[in-house]
Full PDB file with SEQRES, HELIX, SHEET, SSBOND, CRYST1, ORIGX, SCALE, CONECT and MASTER records, all heavy atoms in Angstrom:
SEQRES   1 A   30  LEU ILE SER ASP VAL VAL GLU ASP GLY PRO ALA ASP LYS          
SEQRES   2 A   30  ALA GLY LEU ARG ARG GLY ASP ILE ILE VAL GLU PHE ASP          
SEQRES   3 A   30  GLY GLN ALA ILE                                              
HELIX    1 AA1 PRO A   10  ALA A   14  1                                   5    
SHEET    1 AA1 2 GLU A  24  PHE A  25  0                                        
SHEET    2 AA1 2 GLN A  28  ALA A  29 -1                                        
CRYST1    1.000    1.000    1.000  90.00  90.00  90.00 P 1           1          
ORIGX1      1.000000  0.000000  0.000000        0.00000                         
ORIGX2      0.000000  1.000000  0.000000        0.00000                         
ORIGX3      0.000000  0.000000  1.000000        0.00000                         
SCALE1      1.000000  0.000000  0.000000        0.00000                         
SCALE2      0.000000  1.000000  0.000000        0.00000                         
SCALE3      0.000000  0.000000  1.000000        0.00000                         
ATOM      1  N   LEU A   1     164.893 187.674   3.021  1.00  0.00           N  
ATOM      2  CA  LEU A   1     165.723 187.292   4.163  1.00  0.00           C  
ATOM      3  C   LEU A   1     164.994 186.277   5.035  1.00  0.00           C  
ATOM      4  O   LEU A   1     163.854 186.513   5.470  1.00  0.00           O  
ATOM      5  CB  LEU A   1     166.076 188.531   4.990  1.00  0.00           C  
ATOM      6  CG  LEU A   1     166.825 188.296   6.298  1.00  0.00           C  
ATOM      7  CD1 LEU A   1     168.176 187.627   6.045  1.00  0.00           C  
ATOM      8  CD2 LEU A   1     166.996 189.621   7.045  1.00  0.00           C  
ATOM      9  N   ILE A   2     165.618 185.139   5.299  1.00  0.00           N  
ATOM     10  CA  ILE A   2     165.017 184.121   6.167  1.00  0.00           C  
ATOM     11  C   ILE A   2     165.211 184.543   7.618  1.00  0.00           C  
ATOM     12  O   ILE A   2     166.336 184.603   8.121  1.00  0.00           O  
ATOM     13  CB  ILE A   2     165.663 182.744   5.918  1.00  0.00           C  
ATOM     14  CG1 ILE A   2     165.420 182.286   4.482  1.00  0.00           C  
ATOM     15  CG2 ILE A   2     165.108 181.715   6.901  1.00  0.00           C  
ATOM     16  CD1 ILE A   2     166.061 180.954   4.143  1.00  0.00           C  
ATOM     17  N   SER A   3     164.094 184.829   8.291  1.00  0.00           N  
ATOM     18  CA  SER A   3     164.161 185.227   9.693  1.00  0.00           C  
ATOM     19  C   SER A   3     163.980 184.034  10.628  1.00  0.00           C  
ATOM     20  O   SER A   3     164.330 184.093  11.798  1.00  0.00           O  
ATOM     21  CB  SER A   3     163.089 186.278  10.003  1.00  0.00           C  
ATOM     22  OG  SER A   3     161.798 185.780   9.711  1.00  0.00           O  
ATOM     23  N   ASP A   4     163.436 182.931  10.107  1.00  0.00           N  
ATOM     24  CA  ASP A   4     163.293 181.721  10.904  1.00  0.00           C  
ATOM     25  C   ASP A   4     163.052 180.547   9.968  1.00  0.00           C  
ATOM     26  O   ASP A   4     162.543 180.714   8.854  1.00  0.00           O  
ATOM     27  CB  ASP A   4     162.125 181.848  11.892  1.00  0.00           C  
ATOM     28  CG  ASP A   4     162.265 180.875  13.058  1.00  0.00           C  
ATOM     29  OD1 ASP A   4     163.268 180.138  13.103  1.00  0.00           O  
ATOM     30  OD2 ASP A   4     161.371 180.855  13.920  1.00  0.00           O  
ATOM     31  N   VAL A   5     163.439 179.367  10.406  1.00  0.00           N  
ATOM     32  CA  VAL A   5     163.255 178.139   9.638  1.00  0.00           C  
ATOM     33  C   VAL A   5     162.439 177.169  10.470  1.00  0.00           C  
ATOM     34  O   VAL A   5     162.754 176.926  11.639  1.00  0.00           O  
ATOM     35  CB  VAL A   5     164.612 177.500   9.260  1.00  0.00           C  
ATOM     36  CG1 VAL A   5     164.399 176.211   8.478  1.00  0.00           C  
ATOM     37  CG2 VAL A   5     165.458 178.468   8.456  1.00  0.00           C  
ATOM     38  N   VAL A   6     161.368 176.636   9.897  1.00  0.00           N  
ATOM     39  CA  VAL A   6     160.508 175.694  10.619  1.00  0.00           C  
ATOM     40  C   VAL A   6     161.272 174.383  10.828  1.00  0.00           C  
ATOM     41  O   VAL A   6     161.795 173.801   9.876  1.00  0.00           O  
ATOM     42  CB  VAL A   6     159.210 175.433   9.837  1.00  0.00           C  
ATOM     43  CG1 VAL A   6     158.350 174.393  10.558  1.00  0.00           C  
ATOM     44  CG2 VAL A   6     158.440 176.734   9.655  1.00  0.00           C  
ATOM     45  N   GLU A   7     161.325 173.951  12.083  1.00  0.00           N  
ATOM     46  CA  GLU A   7     162.054 172.734  12.402  1.00  0.00           C  
ATOM     47  C   GLU A   7     161.475 171.537  11.662  1.00  0.00           C  
ATOM     48  O   GLU A   7     160.253 171.337  11.636  1.00  0.00           O  
ATOM     49  CB  GLU A   7     161.999 172.479  13.917  1.00  0.00           C  
ATOM     50  CG  GLU A   7     162.855 171.317  14.371  1.00  0.00           C  
ATOM     51  CD  GLU A   7     162.842 171.150  15.886  1.00  0.00           C  
ATOM     52  OE1 GLU A   7     162.207 171.981  16.572  1.00  0.00           O  
ATOM     53  OE2 GLU A   7     163.468 170.186  16.366  1.00  0.00           O  
ATOM     54  N   ASP A   8     162.360 170.761  11.031  1.00  0.00           N  
ATOM     55  CA  ASP A   8     161.993 169.572  10.264  1.00  0.00           C  
ATOM     56  C   ASP A   8     161.147 169.889   9.034  1.00  0.00           C  
ATOM     57  O   ASP A   8     160.552 168.985   8.430  1.00  0.00           O  
ATOM     58  CB  ASP A   8     161.244 168.549  11.131  1.00  0.00           C  
ATOM     59  CG  ASP A   8     162.154 167.941  12.193  1.00  0.00           C  
ATOM     60  OD1 ASP A   8     163.359 167.787  11.916  1.00  0.00           O  
ATOM     61  OD2 ASP A   8     161.651 167.628  13.283  1.00  0.00           O  
ATOM     62  N   GLY A   9     161.082 171.160   8.655  1.00  0.00           N  
ATOM     63  CA  GLY A   9     160.387 171.535   7.430  1.00  0.00           C  
ATOM     64  C   GLY A   9     161.271 171.318   6.213  1.00  0.00           C  
ATOM     65  O   GLY A   9     162.455 170.954   6.334  1.00  0.00           O  
ATOM     66  N   PRO A  10     160.754 171.520   5.016  1.00  0.00           N  
ATOM     67  CA  PRO A  10     161.537 171.291   3.799  1.00  0.00           C  
ATOM     68  C   PRO A  10     162.846 172.078   3.755  1.00  0.00           C  
ATOM     69  O   PRO A  10     163.896 171.528   3.392  1.00  0.00           O  
ATOM     70  CB  PRO A  10     160.580 171.754   2.687  1.00  0.00           C  
ATOM     71  CG  PRO A  10     159.220 171.569   3.262  1.00  0.00           C  
ATOM     72  CD  PRO A  10     159.358 171.891   4.709  1.00  0.00           C  
ATOM     73  N   ALA A  11     162.807 173.355   4.119  1.00  0.00           N  
ATOM     74  CA  ALA A  11     164.027 174.168   4.086  1.00  0.00           C  
ATOM     75  C   ALA A  11     165.047 173.689   5.107  1.00  0.00           C  
ATOM     76  O   ALA A  11     166.254 173.637   4.832  1.00  0.00           O  
ATOM     77  CB  ALA A  11     163.684 175.633   4.327  1.00  0.00           C  
ATOM     78  N   ASP A  12     164.554 173.329   6.293  1.00  0.00           N  
ATOM     79  CA  ASP A  12     165.441 172.849   7.351  1.00  0.00           C  
ATOM     80  C   ASP A  12     166.146 171.564   6.928  1.00  0.00           C  
ATOM     81  O   ASP A  12     167.366 171.409   7.102  1.00  0.00           O  
ATOM     82  CB  ASP A  12     164.616 172.625   8.622  1.00  0.00           C  
ATOM     83  CG  ASP A  12     165.478 172.240   9.815  1.00  0.00           C  
ATOM     84  OD1 ASP A  12     166.622 172.732   9.903  1.00  0.00           O  
ATOM     85  OD2 ASP A  12     165.023 171.444  10.650  1.00  0.00           O  
ATOM     86  N   LYS A  13     165.386 170.651   6.330  1.00  0.00           N  
ATOM     87  CA  LYS A  13     165.974 169.387   5.891  1.00  0.00           C  
ATOM     88  C   LYS A  13     166.993 169.582   4.778  1.00  0.00           C  
ATOM     89  O   LYS A  13     167.949 168.802   4.650  1.00  0.00           O  
ATOM     90  CB  LYS A  13     164.865 168.445   5.430  1.00  0.00           C  
ATOM     91  CG  LYS A  13     163.952 167.974   6.546  1.00  0.00           C  
ATOM     92  CD  LYS A  13     162.834 167.096   6.010  1.00  0.00           C  
ATOM     93  CE  LYS A  13     161.914 166.634   7.138  1.00  0.00           C  
ATOM     94  NZ  LYS A  13     160.787 165.805   6.622  1.00  0.00           N  
ATOM     95  N   ALA A  14     166.803 170.642   3.964  1.00  0.00           N  
ATOM     96  CA  ALA A  14     167.720 170.891   2.846  1.00  0.00           C  
ATOM     97  C   ALA A  14     168.968 171.646   3.282  1.00  0.00           C  
ATOM     98  O   ALA A  14     169.941 171.713   2.525  1.00  0.00           O  
ATOM     99  CB  ALA A  14     166.998 171.672   1.754  1.00  0.00           C  
ATOM    100  N   GLY A  15     168.954 172.232   4.490  1.00  0.00           N  
ATOM    101  CA  GLY A  15     170.135 172.920   4.985  1.00  0.00           C  
ATOM    102  C   GLY A  15     170.071 174.428   4.997  1.00  0.00           C  
ATOM    103  O   GLY A  15     171.064 175.095   5.289  1.00  0.00           O  
ATOM    104  N   LEU A  16     168.911 175.021   4.692  1.00  0.00           N  
ATOM    105  CA  LEU A  16     168.794 176.481   4.759  1.00  0.00           C  
ATOM    106  C   LEU A  16     168.783 176.933   6.215  1.00  0.00           C  
ATOM    107  O   LEU A  16     168.305 176.201   7.096  1.00  0.00           O  
ATOM    108  CB  LEU A  16     167.522 176.958   4.051  1.00  0.00           C  
ATOM    109  CG  LEU A  16     167.641 177.177   2.530  1.00  0.00           C  
ATOM    110  CD1 LEU A  16     167.796 175.850   1.807  1.00  0.00           C  
ATOM    111  CD2 LEU A  16     166.434 177.927   1.991  1.00  0.00           C  
ATOM    112  N   ARG A  17     169.298 178.139   6.457  1.00  0.00           N  
ATOM    113  CA  ARG A  17     169.417 178.650   7.820  1.00  0.00           C  
ATOM    114  C   ARG A  17     168.840 180.057   7.956  1.00  0.00           C  
ATOM    115  O   ARG A  17     168.675 180.770   6.968  1.00  0.00           O  
ATOM    116  CB  ARG A  17     170.889 178.715   8.229  1.00  0.00           C  
ATOM    117  CG  ARG A  17     171.675 177.426   8.123  1.00  0.00           C  
ATOM    118  CD  ARG A  17     173.123 177.713   8.449  1.00  0.00           C  
ATOM    119  NE  ARG A  17     173.997 176.572   8.203  1.00  0.00           N  
ATOM    120  CZ  ARG A  17     175.322 176.642   8.213  1.00  0.00           C  
ATOM    121  NH1 ARG A  17     175.913 177.798   8.461  1.00  0.00           N  
ATOM    122  NH2 ARG A  17     176.051 175.566   7.971  1.00  0.00           N  
ATOM    123  N   ARG A  18     168.572 180.425   9.211  1.00  0.00           N  
ATOM    124  CA  ARG A  18     168.204 181.809   9.500  1.00  0.00           C  
ATOM    125  C   ARG A  18     169.367 182.718   9.093  1.00  0.00           C  
ATOM    126  O   ARG A  18     170.528 182.434   9.377  1.00  0.00           O  
ATOM    127  CB  ARG A  18     167.918 181.974  10.990  1.00  0.00           C  
ATOM    128  CG  ARG A  18     167.496 183.394  11.361  1.00  0.00           C  
ATOM    129  CD  ARG A  18     167.424 183.598  12.856  1.00  0.00           C  
ATOM    130  NE  ARG A  18     166.364 182.809  13.475  1.00  0.00           N  
ATOM    131  CZ  ARG A  18     166.560 181.849  14.336  1.00  0.00           C  
ATOM    132  NH1 ARG A  18     167.807 181.511  14.676  1.00  0.00           N  
ATOM    133  NH2 ARG A  18     165.555 181.192  14.868  1.00  0.00           N  
ATOM    134  N   GLY A  19     169.059 183.807   8.412  1.00  0.00           N  
ATOM    135  CA  GLY A  19     170.089 184.732   7.949  1.00  0.00           C  
ATOM    136  C   GLY A  19     170.440 184.550   6.484  1.00  0.00           C  
ATOM    137  O   GLY A  19     171.079 185.427   5.884  1.00  0.00           O  
ATOM    138  N   ASP A  20     170.044 183.410   5.890  1.00  0.00           N  
ATOM    139  CA  ASP A  20     170.224 183.241   4.445  1.00  0.00           C  
ATOM    140  C   ASP A  20     169.292 184.203   3.704  1.00  0.00           C  
ATOM    141  O   ASP A  20     168.166 184.460   4.153  1.00  0.00           O  
ATOM    142  CB  ASP A  20     169.893 181.804   4.022  1.00  0.00           C  
ATOM    143  CG  ASP A  20     170.961 180.797   4.458  1.00  0.00           C  
ATOM    144  OD1 ASP A  20     172.064 181.246   4.840  1.00  0.00           O  
ATOM    145  OD2 ASP A  20     170.680 179.585   4.421  1.00  0.00           O  
ATOM    146  N   ILE A  21     169.759 184.682   2.569  1.00  0.00           N  
ATOM    147  CA  ILE A  21     168.931 185.554   1.730  1.00  0.00           C  
ATOM    148  C   ILE A  21     168.637 184.812   0.436  1.00  0.00           C  
ATOM    149  O   ILE A  21     169.546 184.518  -0.347  1.00  0.00           O  
ATOM    150  CB  ILE A  21     169.630 186.886   1.433  1.00  0.00           C  
ATOM    151  CG1 ILE A  21     169.893 187.648   2.737  1.00  0.00           C  
ATOM    152  CG2 ILE A  21     168.773 187.741   0.492  1.00  0.00           C  
ATOM    153  CD1 ILE A  21     170.684 188.924   2.543  1.00  0.00           C  
ATOM    154  N   ILE A  22     167.373 184.482   0.216  1.00  0.00           N  
ATOM    155  CA  ILE A  22     166.979 183.755  -0.991  1.00  0.00           C  
ATOM    156  C   ILE A  22     166.947 184.729  -2.168  1.00  0.00           C  
ATOM    157  O   ILE A  22     166.189 185.710  -2.148  1.00  0.00           O  
ATOM    158  CB  ILE A  22     165.603 183.087  -0.805  1.00  0.00           C  
ATOM    159  CG1 ILE A  22     165.654 182.080   0.348  1.00  0.00           C  
ATOM    160  CG2 ILE A  22     165.158 182.402  -2.099  1.00  0.00           C  
ATOM    161  CD1 ILE A  22     164.316 181.440   0.675  1.00  0.00           C  
ATOM    162  N   VAL A  23     167.750 184.462  -3.181  1.00  0.00           N  
ATOM    163  CA  VAL A  23     167.820 185.349  -4.348  1.00  0.00           C  
ATOM    164  C   VAL A  23     167.342 184.658  -5.620  1.00  0.00           C  
ATOM    165  O   VAL A  23     167.159 185.313  -6.652  1.00  0.00           O  
ATOM    166  CB  VAL A  23     169.259 185.879  -4.553  1.00  0.00           C  
ATOM    167  CG1 VAL A  23     169.661 186.792  -3.401  1.00  0.00           C  
ATOM    168  CG2 VAL A  23     170.251 184.724  -4.709  1.00  0.00           C  
ATOM    169  N   GLU A  24     167.124 183.339  -5.535  1.00  0.00           N  
ATOM    170  CA  GLU A  24     166.651 182.620  -6.715  1.00  0.00           C  
ATOM    171  C   GLU A  24     165.902 181.370  -6.261  1.00  0.00           C  
ATOM    172  O   GLU A  24     166.338 180.671  -5.343  1.00  0.00           O  
ATOM    173  CB  GLU A  24     167.831 182.227  -7.600  1.00  0.00           C  
ATOM    174  CG  GLU A  24     167.454 181.776  -9.005  1.00  0.00           C  
ATOM    175  CD  GLU A  24     168.687 181.565  -9.873  1.00  0.00           C  
ATOM    176  OE1 GLU A  24     169.460 182.526 -10.041  1.00  0.00           O  
ATOM    177  OE2 GLU A  24     168.868 180.422 -10.351  1.00  0.00           O  
ATOM    178  N   PHE A  25     164.757 181.123  -6.908  1.00  0.00           N  
ATOM    179  CA  PHE A  25     163.953 179.944  -6.577  1.00  0.00           C  
ATOM    180  C   PHE A  25     163.534 179.258  -7.863  1.00  0.00           C  
ATOM    181  O   PHE A  25     162.823 179.847  -8.681  1.00  0.00           O  
ATOM    182  CB  PHE A  25     162.717 180.353  -5.758  1.00  0.00           C  
ATOM    183  CG  PHE A  25     161.877 179.193  -5.298  1.00  0.00           C  
ATOM    184  CD1 PHE A  25     162.101 178.593  -4.072  1.00  0.00           C  
ATOM    185  CD2 PHE A  25     160.865 178.685  -6.112  1.00  0.00           C  
ATOM    186  CE1 PHE A  25     161.330 177.519  -3.649  1.00  0.00           C  
ATOM    187  CE2 PHE A  25     160.092 177.616  -5.704  1.00  0.00           C  
ATOM    188  CZ  PHE A  25     160.325 177.029  -4.467  1.00  0.00           C  
ATOM    189  N   ASP A  26     164.014 178.040  -8.059  1.00  0.00           N  
ATOM    190  CA  ASP A  26     163.689 177.250  -9.248  1.00  0.00           C  
ATOM    191  C   ASP A  26     163.942 178.036 -10.537  1.00  0.00           C  
ATOM    192  O   ASP A  26     163.116 178.035 -11.458  1.00  0.00           O  
ATOM    193  CB  ASP A  26     162.231 176.789  -9.194  1.00  0.00           C  
ATOM    194  CG  ASP A  26     161.958 175.637 -10.165  1.00  0.00           C  
ATOM    195  OD1 ASP A  26     162.911 174.919 -10.514  1.00  0.00           O  
ATOM    196  OD2 ASP A  26     160.793 175.488 -10.594  1.00  0.00           O  
ATOM    197  N   GLY A  27     165.072 178.733 -10.570  1.00  0.00           N  
ATOM    198  CA  GLY A  27     165.459 179.467 -11.768  1.00  0.00           C  
ATOM    199  C   GLY A  27     164.860 180.855 -11.897  1.00  0.00           C  
ATOM    200  O   GLY A  27     165.189 181.586 -12.838  1.00  0.00           O  
ATOM    201  N   GLN A  28     163.990 181.252 -10.969  1.00  0.00           N  
ATOM    202  CA  GLN A  28     163.364 182.576 -11.021  1.00  0.00           C  
ATOM    203  C   GLN A  28     164.030 183.498  -9.997  1.00  0.00           C  
ATOM    204  O   GLN A  28     164.146 183.148  -8.822  1.00  0.00           O  
ATOM    205  CB  GLN A  28     161.867 182.493 -10.730  1.00  0.00           C  
ATOM    206  CG  GLN A  28     161.109 181.618 -11.722  1.00  0.00           C  
ATOM    207  CD  GLN A  28     159.627 181.620 -11.448  1.00  0.00           C  
ATOM    208  OE1 GLN A  28     158.941 182.651 -11.537  1.00  0.00           O  
ATOM    209  NE2 GLN A  28     159.083 180.459 -11.104  1.00  0.00           N  
ATOM    210  N   ALA A  29     164.448 184.660 -10.456  1.00  0.00           N  
ATOM    211  CA  ALA A  29     165.099 185.625  -9.570  1.00  0.00           C  
ATOM    212  C   ALA A  29     164.107 186.166  -8.557  1.00  0.00           C  
ATOM    213  O   ALA A  29     162.953 186.462  -8.886  1.00  0.00           O  
ATOM    214  CB  ALA A  29     165.698 186.762 -10.379  1.00  0.00           C  
ATOM    215  N   ILE A  30     164.533 186.303  -7.310  1.00  0.00           N  
ATOM    216  CA  ILE A  30     163.719 186.884  -6.241  1.00  0.00           C  
ATOM    217  C   ILE A  30     164.305 188.255  -5.913  1.00  0.00           C  
ATOM    218  O   ILE A  30     165.319 188.370  -5.229  1.00  0.00           O  
ATOM    219  CB  ILE A  30     163.707 185.992  -4.980  1.00  0.00           C  
ATOM    220  CG1 ILE A  30     163.265 184.573  -5.328  1.00  0.00           C  
ATOM    221  CG2 ILE A  30     162.811 186.604  -3.910  1.00  0.00           C  
ATOM    222  CD1 ILE A  30     161.868 184.464  -5.886  1.00  0.00           C  
TER     223      ILE A  30                                                      
MASTER        0    0    0    1    2    0    0    6  222    1    0    3          
END                                                                             
């Protein structure tokens, strides 16, 4: 669970938000 996103960081620039739940990263299940 994303509790915070670093401003102007990679996730922020890609559109990820606080409250998103990451379930897969580069094809690998989380």
